[in-house]
Amino acid sequence: MLATDTTDAAADGCALVLMGGGARTAYQAGVLKALAAMLGTREQKAASHFPFRWLFGTSAGALNAAYLGSHAGLGLAALPQLADFWRGLRSEQVYRLDAPGWVHANRLVAGWTLARQVRRHRALLDTLPLVDTLHRAIDLKALEQALEQHHIDVLGVSASSYTSGEHWIFCQTRSDSPVQPWHRPGRRADFQPITIEHLMASSAIPFLFPAVPLWVDGHKEHFGDGSMRQLSPLSPAIHFGARRVLVIGVGQPQRSGMAARVSDEPTAGTIAGHAMASVFHDTLQSDVEQTQRVSQTLARLPPHLAAALPYRPIEVLALQPSFSLDELAHKYIGALPRPTRNTLVGLGALDTGRAAAGSAASLASYLLFEPDFVSALMELGEGDAKRRQDELMRFMAPSPSHKSGLAVP
């Protein structure tokens, strides 16, 4: 189904969509830091307007979106502050795993350790540290003020219901918003204040992080990572009338030299890495391709007929890492917290030997909330943004001729 604008002003606004991927999403902070530098000098940032009207996030991308929304009153300065937040982050502020130091020497003990974790926390890892971190980093009152003062129009957070199987987008906006909740097959939207629980639900990586209960339609459902069953990541931005959408994903090029040999039997790490890649499978490209197909169809119509249709063009600019994040993470596996590293090694899920190194790195890349890896990710993000500086600057200051798609939620 095609959608139309909600306001004429939508053509002047820009939506930011941040995809998920655990620790990998530090890449987004690097991109946005570079974008802030492009849009103004450091002295000018405090007086500059916040550059995005609509914020949407999935998984750890939702944490980034909520952080930006709660700091939107600072204007452009909110973007480099997100990088500062990531620079000070540690894995111990996100999760913990209680395990004896010698657990890696015994696979049975490693299994017993994880079984105990699951009984206690309904997942392999305890995410209570992340709750504390988010309470300190994200000011929900400031988010509400940013909305009321028109710094932003909406914050949307994606999550997947284990109870119903539907994909939800939870939106906080002003009471006078003309947009109404919507329901499409397998996906729907609900308007309610975003809480830390919504952020925890959106970022609840299956098996690793526990499910989170949320109230919807007057009853409780349990939710997990918003990357699951996310079929149309552009849809929420388009529903709100965005005509320009900047999307920052954490997908990656095929990891050459890191994959296992065809003849090798998959290890636990190979399977775990593949499972994580499946959860965070980036559907952005297919969404963009669908938009392009509709655009090409309308381009073949006579101009007077195309002008009479109630469809509105949008421009989508998508940024993805130019270098394999698995290969990058491989350099920093040793920085994982020792209890986590030892337990995963004990289970064979973090086998860095033989041909399993790539899969071990893939699994580790979602959990490596450590300074060296985070810095490398942000440096990659900054570099990718700078290489596309001309394109980004044209996108952030659009002209009527900048149209490359149609609103297709």
Protein backbone atom coordinates (compact mmCIF):
# COMPACT_ATOMS: atom_id res chain seq x y z
CA MET A 1 0.00 0.00 0.00
CA LEU A 2 1.27 3.48 -0.87
CA ALA A 3 1.16 6.31 1.64
CA THR A 4 0.86 10.07 1.43
CA ASP A 5 2.33 12.94 3.44
CA THR A 6 0.65 14.00 6.67
CA THR A 7 1.74 17.62 6.23
CA ASP A 8 3.22 19.78 3.53
CA ALA A 9 6.12 20.52 5.91
CA ALA A 10 7.18 16.90 5.67
CA ALA A 11 9.21 17.70 2.58
CA ASP A 12 11.54 19.83 4.73
CA GLY A 13 12.00 17.24 7.50
CA CYS A 14 14.35 14.31 7.76
CA ALA A 15 13.82 10.99 9.53
CA LEU A 16 16.62 8.97 11.10
CA VAL A 17 16.28 5.18 11.16
CA LEU A 18 18.85 3.23 13.18
CA MET A 19 19.05 -0.52 12.63
CA GLY A 20 20.05 -3.05 15.30
CA GLY A 21 23.13 -5.14 16.03
CA GLY A 22 24.26 -5.09 19.66
CA ALA A 23 27.70 -3.57 20.20
CA ARG A 24 28.02 -3.10 16.43
CA THR A 25 25.72 -0.08 16.63
CA ALA A 26 28.61 2.01 17.96
CA TYR A 27 29.24 2.41 14.23
CA GLN A 28 26.18 4.65 14.09
CA ALA A 29 27.65 6.98 16.69
CA GLY A 30 30.71 7.44 14.48
CA VAL A 31 28.61 8.26 11.43
CA LEU A 32 26.54 10.80 13.35
CA LYS A 33 29.60 12.40 14.93
CA ALA A 34 31.07 12.95 11.48
CA LEU A 35 27.73 14.30 10.24
CA ALA A 36 27.65 16.82 13.08
CA ALA A 37 31.13 18.04 12.15
CA MET A 38 29.97 18.48 8.56
CA LEU A 39 26.88 20.47 9.53
CA GLY A 40 28.65 23.02 11.69
CA THR A 41 31.70 23.89 13.78
CA ARG A 42 31.83 22.87 17.41
CA GLU A 43 31.06 26.44 18.56
CA GLN A 44 27.98 26.57 16.36
CA LYS A 45 26.56 23.21 17.37
CA ALA A 46 24.88 24.41 20.57
CA ALA A 47 22.87 26.97 18.60
CA SER A 48 22.08 24.66 15.68
CA HIS A 49 18.75 22.93 15.33
CA PHE A 50 18.52 19.19 15.85
CA PRO A 51 18.69 17.84 12.29
CA PHE A 52 16.02 15.09 12.50
CA ARG A 53 12.26 15.46 12.99
CA TRP A 54 11.55 11.75 13.36
CA LEU A 55 13.65 9.17 15.23
CA PHE A 56 13.16 5.41 14.86
CA GLY A 57 15.35 2.68 16.28
CA THR A 58 15.61 -1.09 16.53
CA SER A 59 17.49 -3.11 19.14
CA ALA A 60 20.62 -1.20 20.20
CA GLY A 61 19.68 1.28 17.47
CA ALA A 62 16.62 2.07 19.62
CA LEU A 63 18.95 2.93 22.51
CA ASN A 64 20.81 5.32 20.22
CA ALA A 65 17.56 6.87 18.98
CA ALA A 66 16.24 7.33 22.53
CA TYR A 67 19.52 8.89 23.65
CA LEU A 68 19.38 11.36 20.76
CA GLY A 69 15.74 12.16 21.47
CA SER A 70 16.43 12.88 25.13
CA HIS A 71 19.26 15.24 24.11
CA ALA A 72 17.55 16.82 21.10
CA GLY A 73 17.13 20.08 23.03
CA LEU A 74 20.89 20.55 22.73
CA GLY A 75 20.57 20.74 18.95
CA LEU A 76 23.40 19.43 16.84
CA ALA A 77 25.53 18.84 19.94
CA ALA A 78 23.42 15.74 20.70
CA LEU A 79 25.16 13.83 17.91
CA PRO A 80 28.76 13.94 19.21
CA GLN A 81 27.43 13.40 22.74
CA LEU A 82 26.16 10.01 21.59
CA ALA A 83 29.74 9.17 20.61
CA ASP A 84 30.90 10.27 24.07
CA PHE A 85 28.35 7.93 25.65
CA TRP A 86 29.64 4.98 23.64
CA ARG A 87 33.25 5.87 24.36
CA GLY A 88 32.59 5.51 28.10
CA LEU A 89 30.68 2.24 27.83
CA ARG A 90 31.91 -1.14 29.11
CA SER A 91 30.44 -4.62 28.81
CA GLU A 92 29.96 -4.74 32.58
CA GLN A 93 27.55 -1.80 32.18
CA VAL A 94 25.44 -3.83 29.75
CA TYR A 95 25.39 -7.42 31.04
CA ARG A 96 27.04 -9.83 33.42
CA LEU A 97 27.60 -13.54 33.68
CA ASP A 98 28.55 -15.05 37.02
CA ALA A 99 31.04 -17.83 36.41
CA PRO A 100 34.17 -19.15 38.16
CA GLY A 101 37.47 -18.22 36.53
CA TRP A 102 38.33 -21.81 35.74
CA VAL A 103 35.04 -22.60 33.94
CA HIS A 104 36.67 -22.64 30.52
CA ALA A 105 38.59 -25.77 31.45
CA ASN A 106 35.45 -27.87 31.80
CA ARG A 107 32.58 -28.01 29.29
CA LEU A 108 30.22 -29.58 31.82
CA VAL A 109 30.84 -26.79 34.29
CA ALA A 110 30.34 -24.22 31.52
CA GLY A 111 27.00 -25.79 30.69
CA TRP A 112 26.02 -25.86 34.36
CA THR A 113 26.95 -22.18 34.67
CA LEU A 114 24.75 -21.17 31.76
CA ALA A 115 21.89 -23.37 32.97
CA ARG A 116 22.04 -21.56 36.30
CA GLN A 117 22.00 -18.21 34.48
CA VAL A 118 18.92 -19.23 32.51
CA ARG A 119 17.07 -20.29 35.67
CA ARG A 120 17.89 -16.97 37.34
CA HIS A 121 17.46 -14.55 34.44
CA ARG A 122 15.50 -16.46 31.75
CA ALA A 123 18.47 -15.92 29.43
CA LEU A 124 22.20 -16.56 29.24
CA LEU A 125 23.11 -13.08 30.44
CA ASP A 126 21.86 -10.80 33.21
CA THR A 127 20.96 -7.37 31.73
CA LEU A 128 20.23 -5.55 34.97
CA PRO A 129 23.41 -3.47 34.45
CA LEU A 130 21.93 -2.14 31.19
CA VAL A 131 18.79 -1.02 33.03
CA ASP A 132 20.97 1.05 35.37
CA THR A 133 23.02 2.41 32.48
CA LEU A 134 19.95 3.53 30.53
CA HIS A 135 18.38 5.19 33.56
CA ARG A 136 21.55 7.26 33.95
CA ALA A 137 22.02 8.06 30.26
CA ILE A 138 18.48 8.68 28.99
CA ASP A 139 16.36 11.40 30.57
CA LEU A 140 12.77 10.47 29.74
CA LYS A 141 11.52 13.83 31.01
CA ALA A 142 13.90 15.58 28.61
CA LEU A 143 12.53 13.36 25.81
CA GLU A 144 9.01 14.54 26.62
CA GLN A 145 10.19 18.15 26.62
CA ALA A 146 11.93 17.69 23.26
CA LEU A 147 8.61 16.55 21.82
CA GLU A 148 6.56 19.34 23.39
CA GLN A 149 9.08 21.97 22.28
CA HIS A 150 9.02 20.59 18.72
CA HIS A 151 12.69 19.63 18.64
CA ILE A 152 11.46 16.25 17.38
CA ASP A 153 8.03 14.94 16.35
CA VAL A 154 8.28 11.30 17.37
CA LEU A 155 10.47 8.61 18.88
CA GLY A 156 9.65 5.12 17.64
CA VAL A 157 11.04 1.90 19.11
CA SER A 158 10.62 -1.53 17.49
CA ALA A 159 10.11 -4.80 19.35
CA SER A 160 8.91 -8.31 18.48
CA SER A 161 6.21 -10.05 20.51
CA TYR A 162 7.00 -13.60 21.59
CA THR A 163 3.35 -13.85 22.66
CA SER A 164 1.56 -12.96 19.42
CA GLY A 165 4.39 -13.16 16.87
CA GLU A 166 3.68 -9.62 15.67
CA HIS A 167 6.26 -6.91 15.13
CA TRP A 168 5.43 -3.69 17.00
CA ILE A 169 6.57 -0.11 16.72
CA PHE A 170 5.96 1.86 19.92
CA CYS A 171 5.72 5.59 19.25
CA GLN A 172 5.84 8.54 21.62
CA THR A 173 4.67 11.79 20.12
CA ARG A 174 2.69 14.89 21.00
CA SER A 175 -1.00 14.66 21.80
CA ASP A 176 -1.85 16.72 18.71
CA SER A 177 -0.13 14.35 16.29
CA PRO A 178 -2.29 13.77 13.20
CA VAL A 179 -0.90 10.25 12.75
CA GLN A 180 -2.97 7.39 14.09
CA PRO A 181 -1.81 3.90 15.13
CA TRP A 182 -1.82 1.42 12.25
CA HIS A 183 -2.10 -2.32 11.81
CA ARG A 184 -0.71 -4.27 8.88
CA PRO A 185 -0.37 -8.06 8.54
CA GLY A 186 2.28 -9.12 11.06
CA ARG A 187 3.17 -5.58 12.15
CA ARG A 188 1.44 -2.81 14.01
CA ALA A 189 2.01 0.46 15.86
CA ASP A 190 0.90 1.66 19.26
CA PHE A 191 1.25 5.15 20.71
CA GLN A 192 2.44 5.26 24.32
CA PRO A 193 5.21 6.92 26.33
CA ILE A 194 8.56 5.24 25.77
CA THR A 195 10.06 3.79 28.94
CA ILE A 196 13.28 2.02 29.81
CA GLU A 197 11.27 -1.21 29.57
CA HIS A 198 10.52 -0.49 25.89
CA LEU A 199 14.22 0.00 25.23
CA MET A 200 15.11 -3.19 27.08
CA ALA A 201 12.49 -5.10 25.07
CA SER A 202 13.73 -3.73 21.75
CA SER A 203 17.32 -4.73 22.54
CA ALA A 204 16.58 -8.16 24.09
CA ILE A 205 18.75 -10.35 21.84
CA PRO A 206 17.09 -13.80 21.82
CA PHE A 207 18.66 -16.39 24.13
CA LEU A 208 21.31 -13.92 25.30
CA PHE A 209 19.06 -11.26 26.90
CA PRO A 210 15.75 -11.96 28.73
CA ALA A 211 12.35 -11.13 27.25
CA VAL A 212 10.60 -8.05 28.64
CA PRO A 213 6.86 -7.75 29.44
CA LEU A 214 4.96 -4.75 28.03
CA TRP A 215 1.29 -3.81 28.16
CA VAL A 216 -0.53 -3.66 24.81
CA ASP A 217 -4.28 -3.61 24.14
CA GLY A 218 -4.98 -3.93 27.85
CA HIS A 219 -2.96 -7.10 28.37
CA LYS A 220 0.62 -8.14 28.92
CA GLU A 221 2.81 -9.60 26.18
CA HIS A 222 6.48 -10.55 26.28
CA PHE A 223 8.81 -8.92 23.79
CA GLY A 224 12.24 -9.53 22.37
CA ASP A 225 14.65 -7.88 19.97
CA GLY A 226 13.02 -5.61 17.39
CA SER A 227 15.25 -6.97 14.64
CA MET A 228 13.20 -10.17 14.59
CA ARG A 229 10.49 -10.16 11.91
CA GLN A 230 11.25 -6.57 10.94
CA LEU A 231 9.97 -6.71 7.37
CA SER A 232 9.74 -3.00 6.55
CA PRO A 233 12.13 -0.77 8.53
CA LEU A 234 11.19 2.32 6.48
CA SER A 235 7.48 1.96 7.16
CA PRO A 236 7.20 3.95 10.44
CA ALA A 237 9.06 6.96 9.04
CA ILE A 238 6.86 6.96 5.96
CA HIS A 239 3.68 6.68 8.03
CA PHE A 240 4.69 9.89 9.79
CA GLY A 241 5.10 11.68 6.46
CA ALA A 242 8.88 11.70 6.08
CA ARG A 243 10.05 12.62 2.60
CA ARG A 244 13.72 12.09 3.44
CA VAL A 245 15.02 9.11 5.41
CA LEU A 246 18.60 8.61 6.55
CA VAL A 247 19.17 4.98 7.52
CA ILE A 248 22.28 3.75 9.30
CA GLY A 249 22.61 -0.02 9.38
CA VAL A 250 25.29 -2.32 10.67
CA GLY A 251 25.16 -4.90 7.91
CA GLN A 252 28.45 -5.72 6.28
CA PRO A 253 30.09 -6.93 3.11
CA GLN A 254 30.74 -10.64 2.77
CA ARG A 255 33.60 -11.50 5.09
CA SER A 256 36.29 -12.80 2.78
CA GLY A 257 38.85 -15.01 4.43
CA MET A 258 36.79 -15.40 7.62
CA ALA A 259 34.29 -18.05 6.59
CA ALA A 260 34.80 -21.72 7.40
CA ARG A 261 36.03 -24.10 4.74
CA VAL A 262 33.26 -25.94 2.94
CA SER A 263 34.50 -29.29 4.26
CA ASP A 264 34.54 -28.17 7.91
CA GLU A 265 31.74 -29.37 10.18
CA PRO A 266 30.08 -26.31 11.83
CA THR A 267 31.09 -25.67 15.41
CA ALA A 268 28.81 -24.32 18.13
CA GLY A 269 30.35 -20.93 17.39
CA THR A 270 29.54 -21.26 13.70
CA ILE A 271 25.90 -22.02 14.48
CA ALA A 272 25.66 -19.27 17.09
CA GLY A 273 27.20 -16.72 14.75
CA HIS A 274 24.86 -17.75 11.95
CA ALA A 275 21.86 -17.52 14.29
CA MET A 276 22.82 -14.00 15.35
CA ALA A 277 23.29 -12.97 11.73
CA SER A 278 19.81 -14.33 10.99
CA VAL A 279 18.25 -12.38 13.85
CA PHE A 280 19.88 -9.17 12.67
CA HIS A 281 19.41 -9.89 8.97
CA ASP A 282 19.16 -6.45 7.41
CA THR A 283 15.89 -6.10 5.46
CA LEU A 284 16.67 -2.51 4.57
CA GLN A 285 17.94 -3.29 1.09
CA SER A 286 14.77 -5.14 0.10
CA ASP A 287 12.67 -2.26 1.46
CA VAL A 288 14.65 0.25 -0.60
CA GLU A 289 14.43 -1.98 -3.68
CA GLN A 290 10.66 -2.14 -3.31
CA THR A 291 10.52 1.64 -3.22
CA GLN A 292 12.68 1.84 -6.31
CA ARG A 293 10.47 -0.61 -8.20
CA VAL A 294 7.38 1.49 -7.51
CA SER A 295 9.29 4.62 -8.45
CA GLN A 296 10.34 3.11 -11.77
CA THR A 297 6.76 2.08 -12.49
CA LEU A 298 5.45 5.60 -11.91
CA ALA A 299 8.27 7.07 -13.98
CA ARG A 300 6.82 5.25 -16.98
CA LEU A 301 3.42 6.89 -16.51
CA PRO A 302 2.47 10.05 -18.41
CA PRO A 303 3.39 13.12 -16.28
CA HIS A 304 -0.18 14.33 -15.92
CA LEU A 305 -1.29 10.91 -14.65
CA ALA A 306 1.60 10.58 -12.20
CA ALA A 307 0.86 14.10 -10.85
CA ALA A 308 -2.76 13.13 -10.20
CA LEU A 309 -1.85 10.14 -8.00
CA PRO A 310 -1.92 10.62 -4.20
CA TYR A 311 1.63 9.32 -3.76
CA ARG A 312 4.56 11.32 -2.49
CA PRO A 313 8.22 10.75 -3.42
CA ILE A 314 10.79 10.20 -0.71
CA GLU A 315 14.56 10.16 -0.74
CA VAL A 316 16.39 7.39 1.11
CA LEU A 317 20.09 7.49 1.94
CA ALA A 318 21.43 4.31 3.54
CA LEU A 319 24.86 3.94 5.13
CA GLN A 320 26.40 0.58 5.97
CA PRO A 321 29.90 -0.44 7.13
CA SER A 322 32.39 -0.66 4.29
CA PHE A 323 34.49 -3.25 6.14
CA SER A 324 33.58 -6.61 7.68
CA LEU A 325 32.61 -6.11 11.32
CA ASP A 326 33.35 -9.79 11.98
CA GLU A 327 36.91 -9.29 10.81
CA LEU A 328 37.17 -6.16 12.92
CA ALA A 329 35.82 -7.94 16.01
CA HIS A 330 38.28 -10.81 15.56
CA LYS A 331 41.08 -8.51 16.70
CA TYR A 332 39.35 -7.78 20.00
CA ILE A 333 37.82 -11.10 21.14
CA GLY A 334 40.25 -11.15 24.04
CA ALA A 335 38.64 -7.96 25.41
CA LEU A 336 35.39 -9.78 26.27
CA PRO A 337 34.76 -9.98 30.04
CA ARG A 338 36.60 -13.03 31.30
CA PRO A 339 33.55 -14.90 32.70
CA THR A 340 31.72 -14.49 29.39
CA ARG A 341 34.74 -15.41 27.29
CA ASN A 342 35.67 -18.42 29.40
CA THR A 343 32.13 -19.79 29.48
CA LEU A 344 31.62 -19.45 25.73
CA VAL A 345 35.02 -21.01 25.09
CA GLY A 346 34.12 -23.87 27.44
CA LEU A 347 30.97 -24.54 25.44
CA GLY A 348 32.83 -24.41 22.15
CA ALA A 349 30.77 -21.38 21.09
CA LEU A 350 33.82 -19.13 20.94
CA ASP A 351 36.28 -21.34 19.13
CA THR A 352 38.96 -19.09 17.63
CA GLY A 353 40.95 -21.97 16.21
CA ARG A 354 40.76 -23.76 12.91
CA ALA A 355 38.20 -22.30 10.51
CA ALA A 356 35.76 -21.23 13.22
CA ALA A 357 37.44 -17.89 13.87
CA GLY A 358 35.01 -15.93 11.72
CA SER A 359 31.96 -17.30 13.51
CA ALA A 360 33.54 -16.71 16.91
CA ALA A 361 34.16 -13.12 15.90
CA SER A 362 30.59 -12.78 14.64
CA LEU A 363 29.16 -13.84 18.00
CA ALA A 364 31.64 -11.71 19.91
CA SER A 365 30.88 -8.60 17.84
CA TYR A 366 27.40 -8.34 19.39
CA LEU A 367 28.77 -8.49 22.94
CA LEU A 368 32.01 -6.48 22.67
CA PHE A 369 30.97 -3.31 24.45
CA GLU A 370 34.63 -2.55 25.10
CA PRO A 371 36.64 0.64 24.35
CA ASP A 372 39.00 -0.70 21.69
CA PHE A 373 36.27 -2.33 19.61
CA VAL A 374 33.87 0.59 20.11
CA SER A 375 36.57 3.06 19.05
CA ALA A 376 37.35 0.99 15.95
CA LEU A 377 33.66 0.90 15.03
CA MET A 378 33.22 4.64 15.47
CA GLU A 379 36.37 5.32 13.48
CA LEU A 380 34.98 3.17 10.68
CA GLY A 381 31.66 5.04 10.86
CA GLU A 382 33.37 8.43 10.72
CA GLY A 383 35.48 7.33 7.77
CA ASP A 384 32.50 5.97 5.84
CA ALA A 385 30.56 9.19 6.44
CA LYS A 386 33.47 11.37 5.33
CA ARG A 387 33.87 9.38 2.14
CA ARG A 388 30.26 10.20 1.34
CA GLN A 389 30.39 13.78 2.58
CA ASP A 390 29.17 15.40 -0.64
CA GLU A 391 26.26 12.99 -0.85
CA LEU A 392 25.37 13.52 2.81
CA MET A 393 25.49 17.30 2.51
CA ARG A 394 23.22 17.27 -0.52
CA PHE A 395 20.85 14.98 1.32
CA MET A 396 20.73 17.12 4.47
CA ALA A 397 20.06 20.25 2.41
CA PRO A 398 17.70 18.88 -0.26
CA SER A 399 16.41 20.66 -3.31
CA PRO A 400 13.11 19.85 -5.09
CA SER A 401 15.06 17.78 -7.61
CA HIS A 402 16.25 15.33 -4.94
CA LYS A 403 13.63 12.60 -5.27
CA SER A 404 14.56 8.95 -5.46
CA GLY A 405 11.63 6.90 -4.26
CA LEU A 406 8.05 6.67 -3.17
CA ALA A 407 6.44 6.27 0.22
CA VAL A 408 5.83 2.54 0.58
CA PRO A 409 5.14 1.51 4.20
